[in-house]
């Protein structure tokens, strides 16, 4: 295995209401504009329990948990994926709907 290649161990895939998305831009106030693979744009935040351990940049692939109320417009970012994990998701056709933004 080459040195620069990162090994993928476990990749959290969407379950239940969760959707994959790509960060379009940082809105401010700890919120991000995310285009999700269900065709909706949501304003998402990182919940307090994950705020210190989750780093999100523009064009990051993230796992979004839509809110129960206003779920079409808002959600929580619960996971951010590394480049190796993005490649793994792309190989298994999880990112087909948001491929144009990658």
PDB file of N, CA and C in Angstrom:
ATOM      1  N   UNK A   1       0.845  -1.186   0.000  1.00  0.00           N
ATOM      2  CA  UNK A   1       0.000   0.000   0.000  1.00  0.00           C
ATOM      3  C   UNK A   1       0.891   1.250   0.000  1.00  0.00           C
ATOM      4  N   UNK A   2       0.681   2.203  -0.924  1.00  0.00           N
ATOM      5  CA  UNK A   2       1.494   3.419  -0.976  1.00  0.00           C
ATOM      6  C   UNK A   2       1.333   4.244   0.302  1.00  0.00           C
ATOM      7  N   UNK A   3       2.386   5.033   0.604  1.00  0.00           N
ATOM      8  CA  UNK A   3       2.369   5.831   1.828  1.00  0.00           C
ATOM      9  C   UNK A   3       1.283   6.885   1.849  1.00  0.00           C
ATOM     10  N   UNK A   4       1.036   7.535   0.693  1.00  0.00           N
ATOM     11  CA  UNK A   4       0.087   8.648   0.662  1.00  0.00           C
ATOM     12  C   UNK A   4      -1.372   8.193   0.652  1.00  0.00           C
ATOM     13  N   UNK A   5      -1.615   6.912   0.489  1.00  0.00           N
ATOM     14  CA  UNK A   5      -2.984   6.415   0.443  1.00  0.00           C
ATOM     15  C   UNK A   5      -3.494   6.143   1.850  1.00  0.00           C
ATOM     16  N   UNK A   6      -4.618   6.746   2.177  1.00  0.00           N
ATOM     17  CA  UNK A   6      -5.206   6.600   3.500  1.00  0.00           C
ATOM     18  C   UNK A   6      -6.095   5.362   3.518  1.00  0.00           C
ATOM     19  N   UNK A   7      -6.040   4.613   4.591  1.00  0.00           N
ATOM     20  CA  UNK A   7      -6.852   3.408   4.690  1.00  0.00           C
ATOM     21  C   UNK A   7      -8.205   3.759   5.302  1.00  0.00           C
ATOM     22  N   UNK A   8      -9.267   3.267   4.687  1.00  0.00           N
ATOM     23  CA  UNK A   8     -10.618   3.533   5.166  1.00  0.00           C
ATOM     24  C   UNK A   8     -11.020   2.395   6.096  1.00  0.00           C
ATOM     25  N   UNK A   9     -11.382   2.747   7.310  1.00  0.00           N
ATOM     26  CA  UNK A   9     -11.793   1.714   8.258  1.00  0.00           C
ATOM     27  C   UNK A   9     -13.302   1.592   8.286  1.00  0.00           C
ATOM     28  N   UNK A  10     -13.956   2.527   8.915  1.00  0.00           N
ATOM     29  CA  UNK A  10     -15.415   2.502   8.989  1.00  0.00           C
ATOM     30  C   UNK A  10     -15.957   3.808   8.446  1.00  0.00           C
ATOM     31  N   UNK A  11     -16.952   3.703   7.608  1.00  0.00           N
ATOM     32  CA  UNK A  11     -17.604   4.889   7.061  1.00  0.00           C
ATOM     33  C   UNK A  11     -19.055   4.842   7.486  1.00  0.00           C
ATOM     34  N   UNK A  12     -19.488   5.907   8.146  1.00  0.00           N
ATOM     35  CA  UNK A  12     -20.880   5.974   8.580  1.00  0.00           C
ATOM     36  C   UNK A  12     -21.745   6.345   7.376  1.00  0.00           C
ATOM     37  N   UNK A  13     -22.691   5.489   7.061  1.00  0.00           N
ATOM     38  CA  UNK A  13     -23.592   5.732   5.936  1.00  0.00           C
ATOM     39  C   UNK A  13     -24.921   6.254   6.460  1.00  0.00           C
ATOM     40  N   UNK A  14     -25.702   6.919   5.610  1.00  0.00           N
ATOM     41  CA  UNK A  14     -26.984   7.477   6.060  1.00  0.00           C
ATOM     42  C   UNK A  14     -27.948   6.389   6.530  1.00  0.00           C
ATOM     43  N   UNK A  15     -28.612   6.649   7.641  1.00  0.00           N
ATOM     44  CA  UNK A  15     -29.638   5.733   8.139  1.00  0.00           C
ATOM     45  C   UNK A  15     -30.827   6.558   8.609  1.00  0.00           C
ATOM     46  N   UNK A  16     -31.994   6.005   8.477  1.00  0.00           N
ATOM     47  CA  UNK A  16     -33.204   6.733   8.881  1.00  0.00           C
ATOM     48  C   UNK A  16     -33.435   7.942   7.988  1.00  0.00           C
ATOM     49  N   UNK A  17     -33.578   9.108   8.592  1.00  0.00           N
ATOM     50  CA  UNK A  17     -33.828  10.349   7.855  1.00  0.00           C
ATOM     51  C   UNK A  17     -32.551  11.035   7.376  1.00  0.00           C
ATOM     52  N   UNK A  18     -31.388  10.540   7.756  1.00  0.00           N
ATOM     53  CA  UNK A  18     -30.136  11.210   7.440  1.00  0.00           C
ATOM     54  C   UNK A  18     -29.874  11.238   5.932  1.00  0.00           C
ATOM     55  N   UNK A  19     -29.248  12.324   5.477  1.00  0.00           N
ATOM     56  CA  UNK A  19     -28.901  12.485   4.069  1.00  0.00           C
ATOM     57  C   UNK A  19     -27.461  12.969   3.962  1.00  0.00           C
ATOM     58  N   UNK A  20     -26.830  12.679   2.836  1.00  0.00           N
ATOM     59  CA  UNK A  20     -25.491  13.190   2.567  1.00  0.00           C
ATOM     60  C   UNK A  20     -25.608  14.547   1.898  1.00  0.00           C
ATOM     61  N   UNK A  21     -24.622  15.406   2.126  1.00  0.00           N
ATOM     62  CA  UNK A  21     -24.651  16.718   1.514  1.00  0.00           C
ATOM     63  C   UNK A  21     -23.252  17.253   1.333  1.00  0.00           C
ATOM     64  N   UNK A  22     -23.161  18.378   0.617  1.00  0.00           N
ATOM     65  CA  UNK A  22     -21.879  19.039   0.412  1.00  0.00           C
ATOM     66  C   UNK A  22     -22.014  20.487   0.867  1.00  0.00           C
ATOM     67  N   UNK A  23     -21.010  20.961   1.595  1.00  0.00           N
ATOM     68  CA  UNK A  23     -21.044  22.317   2.143  1.00  0.00           C
ATOM     69  C   UNK A  23     -20.788  23.302   1.019  1.00  0.00           C
ATOM     70  N   UNK A  24     -21.747  24.195   0.784  1.00  0.00           N
ATOM     71  CA  UNK A  24     -21.599  25.208  -0.262  1.00  0.00           C
ATOM     72  C   UNK A  24     -20.855  26.425   0.263  1.00  0.00           C
ATOM     73  N   UNK A  25     -21.227  26.885   1.463  1.00  0.00           N
ATOM     74  CA  UNK A  25     -20.542  28.034   2.053  1.00  0.00           C
ATOM     75  C   UNK A  25     -20.855  28.143   3.527  1.00  0.00           C
ATOM     76  N   UNK A  26     -20.005  28.875   4.229  1.00  0.00           N
ATOM     77  CA  UNK A  26     -20.237  29.158   5.640  1.00  0.00           C
ATOM     78  C   UNK A  26     -21.097  30.413   5.713  1.00  0.00           C
ATOM     79  N   UNK A  27     -22.197  30.342   6.420  1.00  0.00           N
ATOM     80  CA  UNK A  27     -23.136  31.451   6.470  1.00  0.00           C
ATOM     81  C   UNK A  27     -22.767  32.416   7.579  1.00  0.00           C
ATOM     82  N   UNK A  28     -22.215  31.897   8.669  1.00  0.00           N
ATOM     83  CA  UNK A  28     -21.875  32.728   9.824  1.00  0.00           C
ATOM     84  C   UNK A  28     -22.671  32.270  11.033  1.00  0.00           C
ATOM     85  N   UNK A  29     -22.176  32.590  12.198  1.00  0.00           N
ATOM     86  CA  UNK A  29     -22.852  32.165  13.413  1.00  0.00           C
ATOM     87  C   UNK A  29     -22.790  30.662  13.615  1.00  0.00           C
ATOM     88  N   UNK A  30     -21.758  30.009  13.058  1.00  0.00           N
ATOM     89  CA  UNK A  30     -21.624  28.566  13.202  1.00  0.00           C
ATOM     90  C   UNK A  30     -22.567  27.768  12.324  1.00  0.00           C
ATOM     91  N   UNK A  31     -23.097  28.406  11.286  1.00  0.00           N
ATOM     92  CA  UNK A  31     -24.039  27.730  10.391  1.00  0.00           C
ATOM     93  C   UNK A  31     -23.436  27.619   8.994  1.00  0.00           C
ATOM     94  N   UNK A  32     -23.885  26.586   8.271  1.00  0.00           N
ATOM     95  CA  UNK A  32     -23.376  26.297   6.936  1.00  0.00           C
ATOM     96  C   UNK A  32     -24.538  26.073   5.985  1.00  0.00           C
ATOM     97  N   UNK A  33     -24.365  26.490   4.727  1.00  0.00           N
ATOM     98  CA  UNK A  33     -25.344  26.198   3.692  1.00  0.00           C
ATOM     99  C   UNK A  33     -24.908  24.906   3.024  1.00  0.00           C
ATOM    100  N   UNK A  34     -25.791  23.880   3.079  1.00  0.00           N
ATOM    101  CA  UNK A  34     -25.451  22.544   2.606  1.00  0.00           C
ATOM    102  C   UNK A  34     -26.455  22.117   1.543  1.00  0.00           C
ATOM    103  N   UNK A  35     -25.946  21.618   0.398  1.00  0.00           N
ATOM    104  CA  UNK A  35     -26.814  21.038  -0.622  1.00  0.00           C
ATOM    105  C   UNK A  35     -26.869  19.542  -0.369  1.00  0.00           C
ATOM    106  N   UNK A  36     -28.062  19.020  -0.115  1.00  0.00           N
ATOM    107  CA  UNK A  36     -28.223  17.618   0.261  1.00  0.00           C
ATOM    108  C   UNK A  36     -28.614  16.772  -0.946  1.00  0.00           C
ATOM    109  N   UNK A  37     -28.394  15.447  -0.846  1.00  0.00           N
ATOM    110  CA  UNK A  37     -28.662  14.573  -1.988  1.00  0.00           C
ATOM    111  C   UNK A  37     -30.140  14.279  -2.190  1.00  0.00           C
ATOM    112  N   UNK A  38     -31.023  14.858  -1.378  1.00  0.00           N
ATOM    113  CA  UNK A  38     -32.458  14.760  -1.654  1.00  0.00           C
ATOM    114  C   UNK A  38     -32.947  15.976  -2.440  1.00  0.00           C
ATOM    115  N   UNK A  39     -32.013  16.823  -2.915  1.00  0.00           N
ATOM    116  CA  UNK A  39     -32.350  17.954  -3.762  1.00  0.00           C
ATOM    117  C   UNK A  39     -32.667  19.237  -3.013  1.00  0.00           C
ATOM    118  N   UNK A  40     -32.493  19.257  -1.708  1.00  0.00           N
ATOM    119  CA  UNK A  40     -32.822  20.443  -0.913  1.00  0.00           C
ATOM    120  C   UNK A  40     -31.546  21.115  -0.406  1.00  0.00           C
ATOM    121  N   UNK A  41     -31.624  22.444  -0.262  1.00  0.00           N
ATOM    122  CA  UNK A  41     -30.551  23.193   0.389  1.00  0.00           C
ATOM    123  C   UNK A  41     -31.000  23.474   1.804  1.00  0.00           C
ATOM    124  N   UNK A  42     -30.137  23.158   2.764  1.00  0.00           N
ATOM    125  CA  UNK A  42     -30.471  23.363   4.171  1.00  0.00           C
ATOM    126  C   UNK A  42     -29.428  24.257   4.830  1.00  0.00           C
ATOM    127  N   UNK A  43     -29.871  25.009   5.833  1.00  0.00           N
ATOM    128  CA  UNK A  43     -28.965  25.725   6.709  1.00  0.00           C
ATOM    129  C   UNK A  43     -28.696  24.780   7.875  1.00  0.00           C
ATOM    130  N   UNK A  44     -27.436  24.391   8.038  1.00  0.00           N
ATOM    131  CA  UNK A  44     -27.095  23.373   9.032  1.00  0.00           C
ATOM    132  C   UNK A  44     -26.126  23.936  10.064  1.00  0.00           C
ATOM    133  N   UNK A  45     -26.190  23.365  11.252  1.00  0.00           N
ATOM    134  CA  UNK A  45     -25.284  23.728  12.324  1.00  0.00           C
ATOM    135  C   UNK A  45     -24.625  22.454  12.833  1.00  0.00           C
ATOM    136  N   UNK A  46     -23.543  22.650  13.585  1.00  0.00           N
ATOM    137  CA  UNK A  46     -22.902  21.522  14.250  1.00  0.00           C
ATOM    138  C   UNK A  46     -23.424  21.515  15.677  1.00  0.00           C
ATOM    139  N   UNK A  47     -24.069  20.430  16.127  1.00  0.00           N
ATOM    140  CA  UNK A  47     -24.605  20.404  17.488  1.00  0.00           C
ATOM    141  C   UNK A  47     -23.499  20.544  18.541  1.00  0.00           C
ATOM    142  N   UNK A  48     -23.851  21.007  19.703  1.00  0.00           N
ATOM    143  CA  UNK A  48     -22.892  21.313  20.757  1.00  0.00           C
ATOM    144  C   UNK A  48     -21.995  20.162  21.143  1.00  0.00           C
ATOM    145  N   UNK A  49     -22.499  18.943  21.145  1.00  0.00           N
ATOM    146  CA  UNK A  49     -21.690  17.807  21.563  1.00  0.00           C
ATOM    147  C   UNK A  49     -20.579  17.494  20.566  1.00  0.00           C
ATOM    148  N   UNK A  50     -20.721  17.910  19.310  1.00  0.00           N
ATOM    149  CA  UNK A  50     -19.732  17.609  18.276  1.00  0.00           C
ATOM    150  C   UNK A  50     -18.934  18.839  17.851  1.00  0.00           C
ATOM    151  N   UNK A  51     -19.224  19.993  18.441  1.00  0.00           N
ATOM    152  CA  UNK A  51     -18.649  21.254  17.991  1.00  0.00           C
ATOM    153  C   UNK A  51     -17.122  21.272  18.017  1.00  0.00           C
ATOM    154  N   UNK A  52     -16.517  20.698  19.037  1.00  0.00           N
ATOM    155  CA  UNK A  52     -15.058  20.742  19.155  1.00  0.00           C
ATOM    156  C   UNK A  52     -14.359  19.682  18.298  1.00  0.00           C
ATOM    157  N   UNK A  53     -15.021  18.585  18.023  1.00  0.00           N
ATOM    158  CA  UNK A  53     -14.359  17.489  17.324  1.00  0.00           C
ATOM    159  C   UNK A  53     -14.629  17.399  15.841  1.00  0.00           C
ATOM    160  N   UNK A  54     -15.452  18.292  15.296  1.00  0.00           N
ATOM    161  CA  UNK A  54     -15.856  18.196  13.892  1.00  0.00           C
ATOM    162  C   UNK A  54     -15.368  19.426  13.138  1.00  0.00           C
ATOM    163  N   UNK A  55     -14.534  19.203  12.126  1.00  0.00           N
ATOM    164  CA  UNK A  55     -14.020  20.296  11.300  1.00  0.00           C
ATOM    165  C   UNK A  55     -14.691  20.244   9.942  1.00  0.00           C
ATOM    166  N   UNK A  56     -15.309  21.351   9.564  1.00  0.00           N
ATOM    167  CA  UNK A  56     -16.040  21.414   8.301  1.00  0.00           C
ATOM    168  C   UNK A  56     -15.520  22.600   7.504  1.00  0.00           C
ATOM    169  N   UNK A  57     -15.191  22.332   6.229  1.00  0.00           N
ATOM    170  CA  UNK A  57     -14.753  23.384   5.324  1.00  0.00           C
ATOM    171  C   UNK A  57     -15.669  23.398   4.112  1.00  0.00           C
ATOM    172  N   UNK A  58     -15.492  24.406   3.270  1.00  0.00           N
ATOM    173  CA  UNK A  58     -16.242  24.482   2.025  1.00  0.00           C
ATOM    174  C   UNK A  58     -15.902  23.259   1.172  1.00  0.00           C
ATOM    175  N   UNK A  59     -16.895  22.713   0.483  1.00  0.00           N
ATOM    176  CA  UNK A  59     -16.775  21.529  -0.373  1.00  0.00           C
ATOM    177  C   UNK A  59     -16.553  20.229   0.399  1.00  0.00           C
ATOM    178  N   UNK A  60     -16.768  20.244   1.709  1.00  0.00           N
ATOM    179  CA  UNK A  60     -16.691  19.004   2.497  1.00  0.00           C
ATOM    180  C   UNK A  60     -17.965  18.201   2.292  1.00  0.00           C
ATOM    181  N   UNK A  61     -17.826  16.879   2.241  1.00  0.00           N
ATOM    182  CA  UNK A  61     -18.993  16.002   2.215  1.00  0.00           C
ATOM    183  C   UNK A  61     -19.358  15.709   3.661  1.00  0.00           C
ATOM    184  N   UNK A  62     -20.633  15.936   4.000  1.00  0.00           N
ATOM    185  CA  UNK A  62     -21.094  15.798   5.382  1.00  0.00           C
ATOM    186  C   UNK A  62     -22.352  14.949   5.440  1.00  0.00           C
ATOM    187  N   UNK A  63     -22.634  14.429   6.627  1.00  0.00           N
ATOM    188  CA  UNK A  63     -23.857  13.689   6.897  1.00  0.00           C
ATOM    189  C   UNK A  63     -24.782  14.617   7.677  1.00  0.00           C
ATOM    190  N   UNK A  64     -25.986  14.838   7.149  1.00  0.00           N
ATOM    191  CA  UNK A  64     -26.931  15.797   7.727  1.00  0.00           C
ATOM    192  C   UNK A  64     -28.131  15.054   8.303  1.00  0.00           C
ATOM    193  N   UNK A  65     -28.506  15.437   9.512  1.00  0.00           N
ATOM    194  CA  UNK A  65     -29.711  14.920  10.151  1.00  0.00           C
ATOM    195  C   UNK A  65     -30.749  16.043  10.153  1.00  0.00           C
ATOM    196  N   UNK A  66     -31.760  15.992   9.252  1.00  0.00           N
ATOM    197  CA  UNK A  66     -32.759  17.067   9.201  1.00  0.00           C
ATOM    198  C   UNK A  66     -33.526  17.169  10.519  1.00  0.00           C
ATOM    199  N   UNK A  67     -33.901  18.405  10.855  1.00  0.00           N
ATOM    200  CA  UNK A  67     -34.668  18.632  12.074  1.00  0.00           C
ATOM    201  C   UNK A  67     -36.070  18.056  11.918  1.00  0.00           C
ATOM    202  N   UNK A  68     -36.716  17.740  13.052  1.00  0.00           N
ATOM    203  CA  UNK A  68     -38.102  17.256  13.029  1.00  0.00           C
ATOM    204  C   UNK A  68     -39.041  18.360  12.568  1.00  0.00           C
ATOM    205  N   UNK A  69     -38.790  19.577  13.034  1.00  0.00           N
ATOM    206  CA  UNK A  69     -39.575  20.745  12.619  1.00  0.00           C
ATOM    207  C   UNK A  69     -38.697  21.547  11.671  1.00  0.00           C
ATOM    208  N   UNK A  70     -39.231  21.998  10.548  1.00  0.00           N
ATOM    209  CA  UNK A  70     -38.509  22.716   9.497  1.00  0.00           C
ATOM    210  C   UNK A  70     -37.386  21.863   8.904  1.00  0.00           C
ATOM    211  N   UNK A  71     -37.600  20.559   8.789  1.00  0.00           N
ATOM    212  CA  UNK A  71     -36.587  19.644   8.284  1.00  0.00           C
ATOM    213  C   UNK A  71     -36.213  19.872   6.834  1.00  0.00           C
ATOM    214  N   UNK A  72     -37.087  20.527   6.056  1.00  0.00           N
ATOM    215  CA  UNK A  72     -36.769  20.815   4.660  1.00  0.00           C
ATOM    216  C   UNK A  72     -35.773  21.964   4.538  1.00  0.00           C
ATOM    217  N   UNK A  73     -35.658  22.787   5.590  1.00  0.00           N
ATOM    218  CA  UNK A  73     -34.802  23.974   5.531  1.00  0.00           C
ATOM    219  C   UNK A  73     -33.611  23.919   6.472  1.00  0.00           C
ATOM    220  N   UNK A  74     -33.686  23.107   7.540  1.00  0.00           N
ATOM    221  CA  UNK A  74     -32.640  23.129   8.564  1.00  0.00           C
ATOM    222  C   UNK A  74     -32.235  21.720   8.969  1.00  0.00           C
ATOM    223  N   UNK A  75     -31.016  21.598   9.501  1.00  0.00           N
ATOM    224  CA  UNK A  75     -30.538  20.302   9.952  1.00  0.00           C
ATOM    225  C   UNK A  75     -29.263  20.422  10.757  1.00  0.00           C
ATOM    226  N   UNK A  76     -28.795  19.295  11.261  1.00  0.00           N
ATOM    227  CA  UNK A  76     -27.557  19.216  12.028  1.00  0.00           C
ATOM    228  C   UNK A  76     -26.525  18.432  11.241  1.00  0.00           C
ATOM    229  N   UNK A  77     -25.277  18.899  11.250  1.00  0.00           N
ATOM    230  CA  UNK A  77     -24.175  18.165  10.644  1.00  0.00           C
ATOM    231  C   UNK A  77     -23.647  17.202  11.702  1.00  0.00           C
ATOM    232  N   UNK A  78     -23.769  15.900  11.441  1.00  0.00           N
ATOM    233  CA  UNK A  78     -23.374  14.916  12.450  1.00  0.00           C
ATOM    234  C   UNK A  78     -22.079  14.189  12.100  1.00  0.00           C
ATOM    235  N   UNK A  79     -21.593  14.330  10.873  1.00  0.00           N
ATOM    236  CA  UNK A  79     -20.363  13.646  10.461  1.00  0.00           C
ATOM    237  C   UNK A  79     -19.738  14.398   9.296  1.00  0.00           C
ATOM    238  N   UNK A  80     -18.420  14.483   9.293  1.00  0.00           N
ATOM    239  CA  UNK A  80     -17.679  15.055   8.179  1.00  0.00           C
ATOM    240  C   UNK A  80     -16.731  13.975   7.670  1.00  0.00           C
ATOM    241  N   UNK A  81     -16.613  13.834   6.352  1.00  0.00           N
ATOM    242  CA  UNK A  81     -15.850  12.737   5.770  1.00  0.00           C
ATOM    243  C   UNK A  81     -14.495  13.205   5.249  1.00  0.00           C
ATOM    244  N   UNK A  82     -13.470  12.345   5.395  1.00  0.00           N
ATOM    245  CA  UNK A  82     -12.148  12.610   4.828  1.00  0.00           C
ATOM    246  C   UNK A  82     -12.200  12.319   3.319  1.00  0.00           C
ATOM    247  N   UNK A  83     -11.122  12.646   2.627  1.00  0.00           N
ATOM    248  CA  UNK A  83     -11.082  12.410   1.179  1.00  0.00           C
ATOM    249  C   UNK A  83     -11.175  10.923   0.860  1.00  0.00           C
ATOM    250  N   UNK A  84     -10.512  10.076   1.636  1.00  0.00           N
ATOM    251  CA  UNK A  84     -10.566   8.634   1.402  1.00  0.00           C
ATOM    252  C   UNK A  84     -11.985   8.103   1.621  1.00  0.00           C
ATOM    253  N   UNK A  85     -12.663   8.626   2.631  1.00  0.00           N
ATOM    254  CA  UNK A  85     -14.043   8.208   2.879  1.00  0.00           C
ATOM    255  C   UNK A  85     -14.969   8.701   1.773  1.00  0.00           C
ATOM    256  N   UNK A  86     -14.716   9.911   1.241  1.00  0.00           N
ATOM    257  CA  UNK A  86     -15.510  10.412   0.109  1.00  0.00           C
ATOM    258  C   UNK A  86     -15.348   9.501  -1.099  1.00  0.00           C
ATOM    259  N   UNK A  87     -14.123   9.069  -1.369  1.00  0.00           N
ATOM    260  CA  UNK A  87     -13.879   8.168  -2.497  1.00  0.00           C
ATOM    261  C   UNK A  87     -14.624   6.849  -2.297  1.00  0.00           C
ATOM    262  N   UNK A  88     -14.627   6.337  -1.062  1.00  0.00           N
ATOM    263  CA  UNK A  88     -15.337   5.096  -0.742  1.00  0.00           C
ATOM    264  C   UNK A  88     -16.833   5.263  -0.999  1.00  0.00           C
ATOM    265  N   UNK A  89     -17.396   6.391  -0.555  1.00  0.00           N
ATOM    266  CA  UNK A  89     -18.826   6.657  -0.773  1.00  0.00           C
ATOM    267  C   UNK A  89     -19.139   6.802  -2.259  1.00  0.00           C
ATOM    268  N   UNK A  90     -18.235   7.455  -2.991  1.00  0.00           N
ATOM    269  CA  UNK A  90     -18.445   7.655  -4.431  1.00  0.00           C
ATOM    270  C   UNK A  90     -18.399   6.328  -5.180  1.00  0.00           C
ATOM    271  N   UNK A  91     -17.498   5.437  -4.788  1.00  0.00           N
ATOM    272  CA  UNK A  91     -17.394   4.121  -5.428  1.00  0.00           C
ATOM    273  C   UNK A  91     -18.664   3.303  -5.232  1.00  0.00           C
ATOM    274  N   UNK A  92     -19.358   3.520  -4.138  1.00  0.00           N
ATOM    275  CA  UNK A  92     -20.576   2.762  -3.828  1.00  0.00           C
ATOM    276  C   UNK A  92     -21.854   3.542  -4.158  1.00  0.00           C
ATOM    277  N   UNK A  93     -21.731   4.591  -4.990  1.00  0.00           N
ATOM    278  CA  UNK A  93     -22.856   5.366  -5.549  1.00  0.00           C
ATOM    279  C   UNK A  93     -23.706   6.077  -4.503  1.00  0.00           C
ATOM    280  N   UNK A  94     -23.129   6.464  -3.383  1.00  0.00           N
ATOM    281  CA  UNK A  94     -23.866   7.261  -2.401  1.00  0.00           C
ATOM    282  C   UNK A  94     -23.925   8.731  -2.803  1.00  0.00           C
ATOM    283  N   UNK A  95     -22.973   9.180  -3.633  1.00  0.00           N
ATOM    284  CA  UNK A  95     -22.850  10.601  -3.952  1.00  0.00           C
ATOM    285  C   UNK A  95     -23.345  10.960  -5.354  1.00  0.00           C
ATOM    286  N   UNK A  96     -24.163  10.124  -5.958  1.00  0.00           N
ATOM    287  CA  UNK A  96     -24.621  10.377  -7.335  1.00  0.00           C
ATOM    288  C   UNK A  96     -25.356  11.707  -7.473  1.00  0.00           C
ATOM    289  N   UNK A  97     -26.229  12.045  -6.514  1.00  0.00           N
ATOM    290  CA  UNK A  97     -27.070  13.236  -6.626  1.00  0.00           C
ATOM    291  C   UNK A  97     -26.263  14.527  -6.450  1.00  0.00           C
ATOM    292  N   UNK A  98     -25.142  14.466  -5.740  1.00  0.00           N
ATOM    293  CA  UNK A  98     -24.354  15.689  -5.499  1.00  0.00           C
ATOM    294  C   UNK A  98     -23.022  15.658  -6.230  1.00  0.00           C
ATOM    295  N   UNK A  99     -22.878  14.762  -7.204  1.00  0.00           N
ATOM    296  CA  UNK A  99     -21.612  14.603  -7.931  1.00  0.00           C
ATOM    297  C   UNK A  99     -21.203  15.875  -8.663  1.00  0.00           C
ATOM    298  N   UNK A 100     -22.181  16.665  -9.124  1.00  0.00           N
ATOM    299  CA  UNK A 100     -21.866  17.888  -9.878  1.00  0.00           C
ATOM    300  C   UNK A 100     -21.156  18.940  -9.008  1.00  0.00           C
ATOM    301  N   UNK A 101     -21.301  18.844  -7.686  1.00  0.00           N
ATOM    302  CA  UNK A 101     -20.667  19.826  -6.791  1.00  0.00           C
ATOM    303  C   UNK A 101     -19.277  19.380  -6.354  1.00  0.00           C
ATOM    304  N   UNK A 102     -18.918  18.127  -6.585  1.00  0.00           N
ATOM    305  CA  UNK A 102     -17.607  17.625  -6.141  1.00  0.00           C
ATOM    306  C   UNK A 102     -16.493  18.091  -7.054  1.00  0.00           C
TER     307      UNK A 102
END
